[in-house]
């Protein structure tokens, strides 16, 4: 039976590119693997697919009981199909903290490393076989690294991520700064999306002391484009929270170039979270958090209520 490979819901560049990278690797070794997505890829991920002539994977809502699968770029059941514990999970490749809650039918391979990008881990796991990657897969890998590190600005960036990105760019004849600027421009154009879509576009569910959050991040080189819609975004938050069965939506607009995040403050709970988590002084319905770039390393680990 074909093994499905997928990342988290609301797929970003890493959760779109890494399944394709691992699909290539397994099939290159004679396997039967298929990359799939758990939602529509964001604009940056769509740009990557087009730029490297990669076919967008099939989007699935759920998986059959017993379906062989490999999970990448997450280990959080809240970000996976509802019946994930009934599937035949064979491996996890990830770079996030261990959340818990997944159950498997038997022992599996798990690789979780403190690197900025799942694709970097995959390159390590490939060993010498990585030299056989076609340009399209190298392009996906480079895109994943530049996205997850925000072109090396994110505090999650490691020397290994940077070195691999530079090697891939050299092989492909790509200027990293120019290509990253194209990627971030694609990510920044959110004009076609509704407020609810923006709040879910790059988001993860996380619980703190019994309070369930949808932690949304919009990384952009044009923060004004998003912040001009702050009133509409805040008005949409209660509806999204209710539909998604969480207590609160937290939105952080990350300014890639100025290396800071603006958090929207629609109510007393979000104000309390901002002050307790980041030592911020909140006046009004937004607060700027200097140096905050990473949900994985700086936002979620610090959340308090």
C-alpha atoms as a PDB file:
ATOM      1  CA  UNK A   1       0.000   0.000   0.000  1.00  0.00           C
ATOM      2  CA  UNK A   2       1.208   3.509  -0.820  1.00  0.00           C
ATOM      3  CA  UNK A   3       2.670   5.405   2.129  1.00  0.00           C
ATOM      4  CA  UNK A   4       1.263   8.911   2.556  1.00  0.00           C
ATOM      5  CA  UNK A   5       3.608  11.675   3.686  1.00  0.00           C
ATOM      6  CA  UNK A   6       2.155  14.848   5.148  1.00  0.00           C
ATOM      7  CA  UNK A   7       2.852  17.753   7.462  1.00  0.00           C
ATOM      8  CA  UNK A   8       0.509  19.877   9.552  1.00  0.00           C
ATOM      9  CA  UNK A   9      -2.781  21.514   8.696  1.00  0.00           C
ATOM     10  CA  UNK A  10      -2.545  25.041   7.216  1.00  0.00           C
ATOM     11  CA  UNK A  11       0.574  23.958   5.312  1.00  0.00           C
ATOM     12  CA  UNK A  12       3.393  26.469   5.013  1.00  0.00           C
ATOM     13  CA  UNK A  13       6.463  26.072   2.805  1.00  0.00           C
ATOM     14  CA  UNK A  14       8.176  23.453   5.001  1.00  0.00           C
ATOM     15  CA  UNK A  15       4.981  21.399   5.397  1.00  0.00           C
ATOM     16  CA  UNK A  16       4.443  21.548   1.631  1.00  0.00           C
ATOM     17  CA  UNK A  17       8.019  21.025   0.489  1.00  0.00           C
ATOM     18  CA  UNK A  18       9.171  18.392   2.990  1.00  0.00           C
ATOM     19  CA  UNK A  19       6.542  15.786   1.988  1.00  0.00           C
ATOM     20  CA  UNK A  20       7.653  16.206  -1.631  1.00  0.00           C
ATOM     21  CA  UNK A  21      11.318  15.893  -0.664  1.00  0.00           C
ATOM     22  CA  UNK A  22      10.700  12.710   1.308  1.00  0.00           C
ATOM     23  CA  UNK A  23       8.436  11.326  -1.421  1.00  0.00           C
ATOM     24  CA  UNK A  24      11.323  11.706  -3.864  1.00  0.00           C
ATOM     25  CA  UNK A  25      13.794  10.065  -1.476  1.00  0.00           C
ATOM     26  CA  UNK A  26      11.644   7.039  -0.667  1.00  0.00           C
ATOM     27  CA  UNK A  27      10.672   6.469  -4.287  1.00  0.00           C
ATOM     28  CA  UNK A  28      14.293   6.940  -5.369  1.00  0.00           C
ATOM     29  CA  UNK A  29      15.048   3.993  -3.097  1.00  0.00           C
ATOM     30  CA  UNK A  30      12.348   1.888  -4.741  1.00  0.00           C
ATOM     31  CA  UNK A  31       9.527   2.674  -2.328  1.00  0.00           C
ATOM     32  CA  UNK A  32       5.894   3.564  -2.951  1.00  0.00           C
ATOM     33  CA  UNK A  33       5.294   6.957  -1.350  1.00  0.00           C
ATOM     34  CA  UNK A  34       2.957   9.862  -2.028  1.00  0.00           C
ATOM     35  CA  UNK A  35       3.101  13.404  -0.673  1.00  0.00           C
ATOM     36  CA  UNK A  36      -0.276  14.817   0.373  1.00  0.00           C
ATOM     37  CA  UNK A  37      -1.404  18.025   2.079  1.00  0.00           C
ATOM     38  CA  UNK A  38      -3.878  18.665   4.891  1.00  0.00           C
ATOM     39  CA  UNK A  39      -5.031  21.966   3.418  1.00  0.00           C
ATOM     40  CA  UNK A  40      -4.379  24.567   0.760  1.00  0.00           C
ATOM     41  CA  UNK A  41      -0.723  25.704   0.770  1.00  0.00           C
ATOM     42  CA  UNK A  42      -0.073  29.330   1.639  1.00  0.00           C
ATOM     43  CA  UNK A  43       1.005  31.853  -0.992  1.00  0.00           C
ATOM     44  CA  UNK A  44       4.724  31.367  -0.388  1.00  0.00           C
ATOM     45  CA  UNK A  45       4.397  27.585  -0.659  1.00  0.00           C
ATOM     46  CA  UNK A  46       2.374  28.009  -3.863  1.00  0.00           C
ATOM     47  CA  UNK A  47       5.166  30.237  -5.212  1.00  0.00           C
ATOM     48  CA  UNK A  48       7.714  27.518  -4.419  1.00  0.00           C
ATOM     49  CA  UNK A  49       5.688  24.880  -6.279  1.00  0.00           C
ATOM     50  CA  UNK A  50       5.426  27.101  -9.343  1.00  0.00           C
ATOM     51  CA  UNK A  51       9.056  28.261  -9.249  1.00  0.00           C
ATOM     52  CA  UNK A  52      10.430  24.710  -9.173  1.00  0.00           C
ATOM     53  CA  UNK A  53       7.749  23.148 -11.399  1.00  0.00           C
ATOM     54  CA  UNK A  54       6.486  20.860  -8.668  1.00  0.00           C
ATOM     55  CA  UNK A  55       2.990  19.398  -8.816  1.00  0.00           C
ATOM     56  CA  UNK A  56       0.814  20.453  -5.912  1.00  0.00           C
ATOM     57  CA  UNK A  57       0.120  17.348  -3.809  1.00  0.00           C
ATOM     58  CA  UNK A  58      -3.421  16.110  -3.383  1.00  0.00           C
ATOM     59  CA  UNK A  59      -5.284  17.732  -0.487  1.00  0.00           C
ATOM     60  CA  UNK A  60      -6.956  15.274   1.892  1.00  0.00           C
ATOM     61  CA  UNK A  61      -9.374  15.835   4.773  1.00  0.00           C
ATOM     62  CA  UNK A  62      -8.802  12.565   6.597  1.00  0.00           C
ATOM     63  CA  UNK A  63      -7.098   9.207   6.245  1.00  0.00           C
ATOM     64  CA  UNK A  64      -8.330   5.636   6.342  1.00  0.00           C
ATOM     65  CA  UNK A  65      -7.772   3.422   9.344  1.00  0.00           C
ATOM     66  CA  UNK A  66      -4.557   1.479   8.840  1.00  0.00           C
ATOM     67  CA  UNK A  67      -3.241   3.884   6.173  1.00  0.00           C
ATOM     68  CA  UNK A  68       0.580   3.762   6.189  1.00  0.00           C
ATOM     69  CA  UNK A  69       1.883   7.285   6.703  1.00  0.00           C
ATOM     70  CA  UNK A  70       4.888   9.360   7.656  1.00  0.00           C
ATOM     71  CA  UNK A  71       4.395  12.608   9.580  1.00  0.00           C
ATOM     72  CA  UNK A  72       6.750  15.517   8.909  1.00  0.00           C
ATOM     73  CA  UNK A  73       7.142  19.004  10.402  1.00  0.00           C
ATOM     74  CA  UNK A  74       4.870  18.288  13.380  1.00  0.00           C
ATOM     75  CA  UNK A  75       4.160  15.732  16.081  1.00  0.00           C
ATOM     76  CA  UNK A  76       1.066  17.462  17.431  1.00  0.00           C
ATOM     77  CA  UNK A  77      -2.199  15.480  17.048  1.00  0.00           C
ATOM     78  CA  UNK A  78      -4.167  18.763  16.976  1.00  0.00           C
ATOM     79  CA  UNK A  79      -2.458  19.595  13.667  1.00  0.00           C
ATOM     80  CA  UNK A  80      -3.145  16.202  12.096  1.00  0.00           C
ATOM     81  CA  UNK A  81      -6.188  14.247  10.812  1.00  0.00           C
ATOM     82  CA  UNK A  82      -8.708  13.454  13.518  1.00  0.00           C
ATOM     83  CA  UNK A  83      -8.203   9.698  13.177  1.00  0.00           C
ATOM     84  CA  UNK A  84      -4.399   9.841  13.111  1.00  0.00           C
ATOM     85  CA  UNK A  85      -4.143   7.341  15.978  1.00  0.00           C
ATOM     86  CA  UNK A  86      -5.995   4.787  13.845  1.00  0.00           C
ATOM     87  CA  UNK A  87      -3.551   5.161  10.962  1.00  0.00           C
ATOM     88  CA  UNK A  88      -0.350   3.157  10.560  1.00  0.00           C
ATOM     89  CA  UNK A  89       2.165   5.853  11.469  1.00  0.00           C
ATOM     90  CA  UNK A  90       5.581   4.548  10.446  1.00  0.00           C
ATOM     91  CA  UNK A  91       7.850   7.525  11.104  1.00  0.00           C
ATOM     92  CA  UNK A  92       7.998  11.118  12.323  1.00  0.00           C
ATOM     93  CA  UNK A  93      10.547  13.657  11.076  1.00  0.00           C
ATOM     94  CA  UNK A  94      10.255  16.959  12.906  1.00  0.00           C
ATOM     95  CA  UNK A  95      12.013  19.949  14.472  1.00  0.00           C
ATOM     96  CA  UNK A  96       9.409  21.012  17.037  1.00  0.00           C
ATOM     97  CA  UNK A  97       9.223  20.163  20.709  1.00  0.00           C
ATOM     98  CA  UNK A  98       7.582  16.846  21.593  1.00  0.00           C
ATOM     99  CA  UNK A  99       3.907  17.410  22.363  1.00  0.00           C
ATOM    100  CA  UNK A 100       2.596  13.907  23.035  1.00  0.00           C
ATOM    101  CA  UNK A 101      -0.750  12.304  22.282  1.00  0.00           C
ATOM    102  CA  UNK A 102       0.150  10.241  19.235  1.00  0.00           C
ATOM    103  CA  UNK A 103      -0.391   6.493  19.464  1.00  0.00           C
ATOM    104  CA  UNK A 104       1.082   3.951  17.065  1.00  0.00           C
ATOM    105  CA  UNK A 105       0.449   0.298  16.328  1.00  0.00           C
ATOM    106  CA  UNK A 106       4.096  -0.574  16.909  1.00  0.00           C
ATOM    107  CA  UNK A 107       7.601   0.876  17.228  1.00  0.00           C
ATOM    108  CA  UNK A 108       8.397   3.591  14.697  1.00  0.00           C
ATOM    109  CA  UNK A 109      11.335   5.689  13.539  1.00  0.00           C
ATOM    110  CA  UNK A 110      11.296   9.144  15.146  1.00  0.00           C
ATOM    111  CA  UNK A 111      13.785  11.873  14.278  1.00  0.00           C
ATOM    112  CA  UNK A 112      13.348  15.197  16.056  1.00  0.00           C
ATOM    113  CA  UNK A 113      16.329  17.533  15.928  1.00  0.00           C
ATOM    114  CA  UNK A 114      16.867  21.127  17.091  1.00  0.00           C
ATOM    115  CA  UNK A 115      17.293  22.531  13.586  1.00  0.00           C
ATOM    116  CA  UNK A 116      15.350  25.341  11.947  1.00  0.00           C
ATOM    117  CA  UNK A 117      13.835  23.239   9.205  1.00  0.00           C
ATOM    118  CA  UNK A 118      12.535  19.716   8.588  1.00  0.00           C
ATOM    119  CA  UNK A 119      14.168  19.733   5.166  1.00  0.00           C
ATOM    120  CA  UNK A 120      17.604  20.159   6.772  1.00  0.00           C
ATOM    121  CA  UNK A 121      16.999  17.040   8.862  1.00  0.00           C
ATOM    122  CA  UNK A 122      15.941  15.153   5.732  1.00  0.00           C
ATOM    123  CA  UNK A 123      19.175  16.077   3.983  1.00  0.00           C
ATOM    124  CA  UNK A 124      21.106  14.556   6.896  1.00  0.00           C
ATOM    125  CA  UNK A 125      19.003  11.398   6.810  1.00  0.00           C
ATOM    126  CA  UNK A 126      19.555  10.944   3.071  1.00  0.00           C
ATOM    127  CA  UNK A 127      23.310  10.672   3.452  1.00  0.00           C
ATOM    128  CA  UNK A 128      25.116  10.175   0.152  1.00  0.00           C
ATOM    129  CA  UNK A 129      21.803   9.747  -1.679  1.00  0.00           C
ATOM    130  CA  UNK A 130      21.265  13.506  -1.365  1.00  0.00           C
ATOM    131  CA  UNK A 131      23.695  14.013  -4.233  1.00  0.00           C
ATOM    132  CA  UNK A 132      21.098  12.491  -6.570  1.00  0.00           C
ATOM    133  CA  UNK A 133      18.404  15.083  -5.811  1.00  0.00           C
ATOM    134  CA  UNK A 134      17.040  16.744  -8.952  1.00  0.00           C
ATOM    135  CA  UNK A 135      17.038  20.533  -9.103  1.00  0.00           C
ATOM    136  CA  UNK A 136      13.320  20.670  -8.310  1.00  0.00           C
ATOM    137  CA  UNK A 137      13.870  18.892  -4.993  1.00  0.00           C
ATOM    138  CA  UNK A 138      16.953  20.977  -4.225  1.00  0.00           C
ATOM    139  CA  UNK A 139      14.827  24.052  -4.917  1.00  0.00           C
ATOM    140  CA  UNK A 140      12.139  22.844  -2.544  1.00  0.00           C
ATOM    141  CA  UNK A 141      14.742  22.176   0.140  1.00  0.00           C
ATOM    142  CA  UNK A 142      16.298  25.619  -0.271  1.00  0.00           C
ATOM    143  CA  UNK A 143      12.849  27.217  -0.129  1.00  0.00           C
ATOM    144  CA  UNK A 144      11.950  25.376   3.070  1.00  0.00           C
ATOM    145  CA  UNK A 145      15.132  26.501   4.806  1.00  0.00           C
ATOM    146  CA  UNK A 146      14.862  30.143   3.733  1.00  0.00           C
ATOM    147  CA  UNK A 147      11.206  30.208   4.777  1.00  0.00           C
ATOM    148  CA  UNK A 148      11.687  28.653   8.204  1.00  0.00           C
ATOM    149  CA  UNK A 149      14.775  30.758   8.980  1.00  0.00           C
ATOM    150  CA  UNK A 150      13.347  33.954   7.450  1.00  0.00           C
ATOM    151  CA  UNK A 151      16.574  34.137   5.418  1.00  0.00           C
ATOM    152  CA  UNK A 152      18.642  33.366   8.537  1.00  0.00           C
ATOM    153  CA  UNK A 153      17.007  36.132  10.630  1.00  0.00           C
ATOM    154  CA  UNK A 154      15.090  33.756  12.890  1.00  0.00           C
ATOM    155  CA  UNK A 155      16.706  32.727  16.186  1.00  0.00           C
ATOM    156  CA  UNK A 156      15.950  29.124  15.220  1.00  0.00           C
ATOM    157  CA  UNK A 157      18.635  29.292  12.500  1.00  0.00           C
ATOM    158  CA  UNK A 158      21.614  26.989  12.996  1.00  0.00           C
ATOM    159  CA  UNK A 159      24.956  26.858  11.239  1.00  0.00           C
ATOM    160  CA  UNK A 160      23.852  23.594   9.616  1.00  0.00           C
ATOM    161  CA  UNK A 161      20.728  25.209   8.108  1.00  0.00           C
ATOM    162  CA  UNK A 162      22.749  28.130   6.734  1.00  0.00           C
ATOM    163  CA  UNK A 163      25.538  25.964   5.325  1.00  0.00           C
ATOM    164  CA  UNK A 164      23.104  23.660   3.537  1.00  0.00           C
ATOM    165  CA  UNK A 165      21.118  26.587   2.102  1.00  0.00           C
ATOM    166  CA  UNK A 166      24.304  28.157   0.768  1.00  0.00           C
ATOM    167  CA  UNK A 167      25.369  24.871  -0.829  1.00  0.00           C
ATOM    168  CA  UNK A 168      21.983  24.346  -2.449  1.00  0.00           C
ATOM    169  CA  UNK A 169      21.868  27.916  -3.744  1.00  0.00           C
ATOM    170  CA  UNK A 170      25.335  27.493  -5.235  1.00  0.00           C
ATOM    171  CA  UNK A 171      24.329  24.245  -6.947  1.00  0.00           C
ATOM    172  CA  UNK A 172      21.217  25.887  -8.379  1.00  0.00           C
ATOM    173  CA  UNK A 173      22.872  29.159  -9.383  1.00  0.00           C
ATOM    174  CA  UNK A 174      20.454  31.072  -7.122  1.00  0.00           C
ATOM    175  CA  UNK A 175      21.216  34.313  -5.285  1.00  0.00           C
ATOM    176  CA  UNK A 176      19.857  33.742  -1.784  1.00  0.00           C
ATOM    177  CA  UNK A 177      18.889  37.357  -1.062  1.00  0.00           C
ATOM    178  CA  UNK A 178      17.105  37.802  -4.381  1.00  0.00           C
ATOM    179  CA  UNK A 179      15.272  34.503  -4.131  1.00  0.00           C
ATOM    180  CA  UNK A 180      14.271  35.060  -0.509  1.00  0.00           C
ATOM    181  CA  UNK A 181      12.908  38.492  -1.446  1.00  0.00           C
ATOM    182  CA  UNK A 182      10.732  36.844  -4.117  1.00  0.00           C
ATOM    183  CA  UNK A 183       9.486  34.274  -1.616  1.00  0.00           C
ATOM    184  CA  UNK A 184       8.663  36.860   1.043  1.00  0.00           C
ATOM    185  CA  UNK A 185       6.907  39.081  -1.522  1.00  0.00           C
ATOM    186  CA  UNK A 186       4.688  36.109  -2.424  1.00  0.00           C
ATOM    187  CA  UNK A 187       4.012  35.471   1.268  1.00  0.00           C
ATOM    188  CA  UNK A 188       3.204  39.149   1.894  1.00  0.00           C
ATOM    189  CA  UNK A 189       0.450  39.427  -0.725  1.00  0.00           C
ATOM    190  CA  UNK A 190      -2.594  38.489   1.346  1.00  0.00           C
ATOM    191  CA  UNK A 191      -5.096  40.769  -0.392  1.00  0.00           C
ATOM    192  CA  UNK A 192      -7.102  37.859  -1.796  1.00  0.00           C
ATOM    193  CA  UNK A 193      -7.765  36.243   1.603  1.00  0.00           C
ATOM    194  CA  UNK A 194     -10.617  36.815   4.018  1.00  0.00           C
ATOM    195  CA  UNK A 195      -9.932  37.671   7.646  1.00  0.00           C
ATOM    196  CA  UNK A 196     -10.830  34.140   8.755  1.00  0.00           C
ATOM    197  CA  UNK A 197      -8.482  32.675   6.150  1.00  0.00           C
ATOM    198  CA  UNK A 198      -5.660  34.925   7.348  1.00  0.00           C
ATOM    199  CA  UNK A 199      -6.201  33.863  10.951  1.00  0.00           C
ATOM    200  CA  UNK A 200      -5.923  30.206   9.965  1.00  0.00           C
ATOM    201  CA  UNK A 201      -3.284  30.546   7.239  1.00  0.00           C
ATOM    202  CA  UNK A 202      -0.230  29.888   9.403  1.00  0.00           C
ATOM    203  CA  UNK A 203      -1.569  28.800  12.758  1.00  0.00           C
ATOM    204  CA  UNK A 204      -1.146  26.140  15.391  1.00  0.00           C
ATOM    205  CA  UNK A 205      -3.334  25.061  18.285  1.00  0.00           C
ATOM    206  CA  UNK A 206      -1.705  25.216  21.707  1.00  0.00           C
ATOM    207  CA  UNK A 207      -3.054  24.873  25.232  1.00  0.00           C
ATOM    208  CA  UNK A 208      -1.761  26.752  28.292  1.00  0.00           C
ATOM    209  CA  UNK A 209      -3.146  25.969  31.746  1.00  0.00           C
ATOM    210  CA  UNK A 210      -6.405  24.699  30.293  1.00  0.00           C
ATOM    211  CA  UNK A 211      -6.838  27.640  27.904  1.00  0.00           C
ATOM    212  CA  UNK A 212      -6.861  26.636  24.239  1.00  0.00           C
ATOM    213  CA  UNK A 213      -5.292  29.046  21.755  1.00  0.00           C
ATOM    214  CA  UNK A 214      -5.008  29.234  17.984  1.00  0.00           C
ATOM    215  CA  UNK A 215      -1.603  30.891  17.661  1.00  0.00           C
ATOM    216  CA  UNK A 216      -1.509  32.595  14.270  1.00  0.00           C
ATOM    217  CA  UNK A 217       1.559  34.148  12.668  1.00  0.00           C
ATOM    218  CA  UNK A 218       1.713  36.205   9.493  1.00  0.00           C
ATOM    219  CA  UNK A 219       5.291  36.751   8.333  1.00  0.00           C
ATOM    220  CA  UNK A 220       5.545  39.648   5.912  1.00  0.00           C
ATOM    221  CA  UNK A 221       7.787  42.315   4.439  1.00  0.00           C
ATOM    222  CA  UNK A 222       4.696  44.566   4.223  1.00  0.00           C
ATOM    223  CA  UNK A 223       3.147  44.557   7.714  1.00  0.00           C
ATOM    224  CA  UNK A 224       1.013  47.610   6.883  1.00  0.00           C
ATOM    225  CA  UNK A 225      -0.966  45.491   4.424  1.00  0.00           C
ATOM    226  CA  UNK A 226      -2.086  43.282   7.305  1.00  0.00           C
ATOM    227  CA  UNK A 227      -2.302  45.902  10.053  1.00  0.00           C
ATOM    228  CA  UNK A 228      -4.562  48.096   7.930  1.00  0.00           C
ATOM    229  CA  UNK A 229      -7.089  45.264   8.382  1.00  0.00           C
ATOM    230  CA  UNK A 230      -6.633  44.922  12.140  1.00  0.00           C
ATOM    231  CA  UNK A 231     -10.187  45.990  13.043  1.00  0.00           C
ATOM    232  CA  UNK A 232     -11.689  43.422  10.683  1.00  0.00           C
ATOM    233  CA  UNK A 233      -9.241  40.763  11.873  1.00  0.00           C
ATOM    234  CA  UNK A 234     -10.108  41.363  15.521  1.00  0.00           C
ATOM    235  CA  UNK A 235     -13.810  41.276  14.682  1.00  0.00           C
ATOM    236  CA  UNK A 236     -13.317  37.882  13.025  1.00  0.00           C
ATOM    237  CA  UNK A 237     -11.412  36.338  15.931  1.00  0.00           C
ATOM    238  CA  UNK A 238     -14.388  35.266  18.106  1.00  0.00           C
ATOM    239  CA  UNK A 239     -16.044  33.489  15.171  1.00  0.00           C
ATOM    240  CA  UNK A 240     -12.853  31.631  14.247  1.00  0.00           C
ATOM    241  CA  UNK A 241     -12.279  30.683  17.890  1.00  0.00           C
ATOM    242  CA  UNK A 242     -15.806  29.324  18.170  1.00  0.00           C
ATOM    243  CA  UNK A 243     -15.624  27.330  14.940  1.00  0.00           C
ATOM    244  CA  UNK A 244     -12.212  25.918  15.834  1.00  0.00           C
ATOM    245  CA  UNK A 245     -13.218  25.129  19.421  1.00  0.00           C
ATOM    246  CA  UNK A 246     -10.502  27.229  21.052  1.00  0.00           C
ATOM    247  CA  UNK A 247     -10.803  29.945  23.690  1.00  0.00           C
ATOM    248  CA  UNK A 248      -8.820  32.628  21.898  1.00  0.00           C
ATOM    249  CA  UNK A 249      -7.051  33.453  18.648  1.00  0.00           C
ATOM    250  CA  UNK A 250      -3.681  35.156  19.079  1.00  0.00           C
ATOM    251  CA  UNK A 251      -2.323  36.918  15.992  1.00  0.00           C
ATOM    252  CA  UNK A 252       1.313  37.997  15.594  1.00  0.00           C
ATOM    253  CA  UNK A 253       2.262  39.988  12.483  1.00  0.00           C
ATOM    254  CA  UNK A 254       5.981  39.375  12.032  1.00  0.00           C
ATOM    255  CA  UNK A 255       7.865  42.152  10.251  1.00  0.00           C
ATOM    256  CA  UNK A 256      10.672  40.211   8.565  1.00  0.00           C
ATOM    257  CA  UNK A 257      12.806  43.230   7.670  1.00  0.00           C
ATOM    258  CA  UNK A 258      12.528  45.096  10.990  1.00  0.00           C
ATOM    259  CA  UNK A 259      12.725  41.872  13.012  1.00  0.00           C
ATOM    260  CA  UNK A 260       9.766  42.465  15.286  1.00  0.00           C
ATOM    261  CA  UNK A 261       6.215  41.252  15.778  1.00  0.00           C
ATOM    262  CA  UNK A 262       3.025  43.207  16.304  1.00  0.00           C
ATOM    263  CA  UNK A 263       0.463  41.373  18.418  1.00  0.00           C
ATOM    264  CA  UNK A 264      -3.194  42.273  18.090  1.00  0.00           C
ATOM    265  CA  UNK A 265      -4.946  42.936  21.415  1.00  0.00           C
ATOM    266  CA  UNK A 266      -8.730  42.632  20.972  1.00  0.00           C
ATOM    267  CA  UNK A 267      -9.670  41.911  24.605  1.00  0.00           C
ATOM    268  CA  UNK A 268      -8.545  41.533  28.204  1.00  0.00           C
ATOM    269  CA  UNK A 269      -7.377  37.917  27.784  1.00  0.00           C
ATOM    270  CA  UNK A 270      -5.001  38.748  24.920  1.00  0.00           C
ATOM    271  CA  UNK A 271      -3.760  41.770  26.884  1.00  0.00           C
ATOM    272  CA  UNK A 272      -3.063  39.534  29.874  1.00  0.00           C
ATOM    273  CA  UNK A 273      -1.235  37.051  27.653  1.00  0.00           C
ATOM    274  CA  UNK A 274       0.920  39.786  26.095  1.00  0.00           C
ATOM    275  CA  UNK A 275       1.905  41.230  29.458  1.00  0.00           C
ATOM    276  CA  UNK A 276       2.509  37.909  31.199  1.00  0.00           C
ATOM    277  CA  UNK A 277       4.281  36.232  28.292  1.00  0.00           C
ATOM    278  CA  UNK A 278       6.431  39.005  26.867  1.00  0.00           C
ATOM    279  CA  UNK A 279       6.678  41.586  29.648  1.00  0.00           C
ATOM    280  CA  UNK A 280       4.912  44.036  27.364  1.00  0.00           C
ATOM    281  CA  UNK A 281       3.119  47.197  28.391  1.00  0.00           C
ATOM    282  CA  UNK A 282      -0.131  47.220  26.424  1.00  0.00           C
ATOM    283  CA  UNK A 283      -1.811  50.490  25.518  1.00  0.00           C
ATOM    284  CA  UNK A 284      -4.373  50.182  22.763  1.00  0.00           C
ATOM    285  CA  UNK A 285      -5.234  47.259  20.524  1.00  0.00           C
ATOM    286  CA  UNK A 286      -1.731  46.391  19.331  1.00  0.00           C
ATOM    287  CA  UNK A 287       1.650  45.944  20.957  1.00  0.00           C
ATOM    288  CA  UNK A 288       5.050  45.727  19.267  1.00  0.00           C
ATOM    289  CA  UNK A 289       7.373  42.947  20.448  1.00  0.00           C
ATOM    290  CA  UNK A 290      10.952  43.793  19.363  1.00  0.00           C
ATOM    291  CA  UNK A 291      13.058  40.841  18.239  1.00  0.00           C
ATOM    292  CA  UNK A 292      10.170  38.363  18.269  1.00  0.00           C
ATOM    293  CA  UNK A 293      10.366  36.372  15.043  1.00  0.00           C
ATOM    294  CA  UNK A 294       9.758  32.718  15.854  1.00  0.00           C
ATOM    295  CA  UNK A 295       6.537  31.091  17.038  1.00  0.00           C
ATOM    296  CA  UNK A 296       8.426  27.861  17.775  1.00  0.00           C
ATOM    297  CA  UNK A 297      11.233  29.390  19.854  1.00  0.00           C
ATOM    298  CA  UNK A 298       9.951  32.735  21.130  1.00  0.00           C
ATOM    299  CA  UNK A 299       6.146  32.763  21.165  1.00  0.00           C
ATOM    300  CA  UNK A 300       4.733  29.367  22.139  1.00  0.00           C
ATOM    301  CA  UNK A 301       7.381  28.514  24.791  1.00  0.00           C
ATOM    302  CA  UNK A 302       6.687  31.839  26.538  1.00  0.00           C
ATOM    303  CA  UNK A 303       2.887  31.800  26.516  1.00  0.00           C
ATOM    304  CA  UNK A 304       1.300  32.415  29.915  1.00  0.00           C
ATOM    305  CA  UNK A 305      -2.235  33.306  30.943  1.00  0.00           C
END
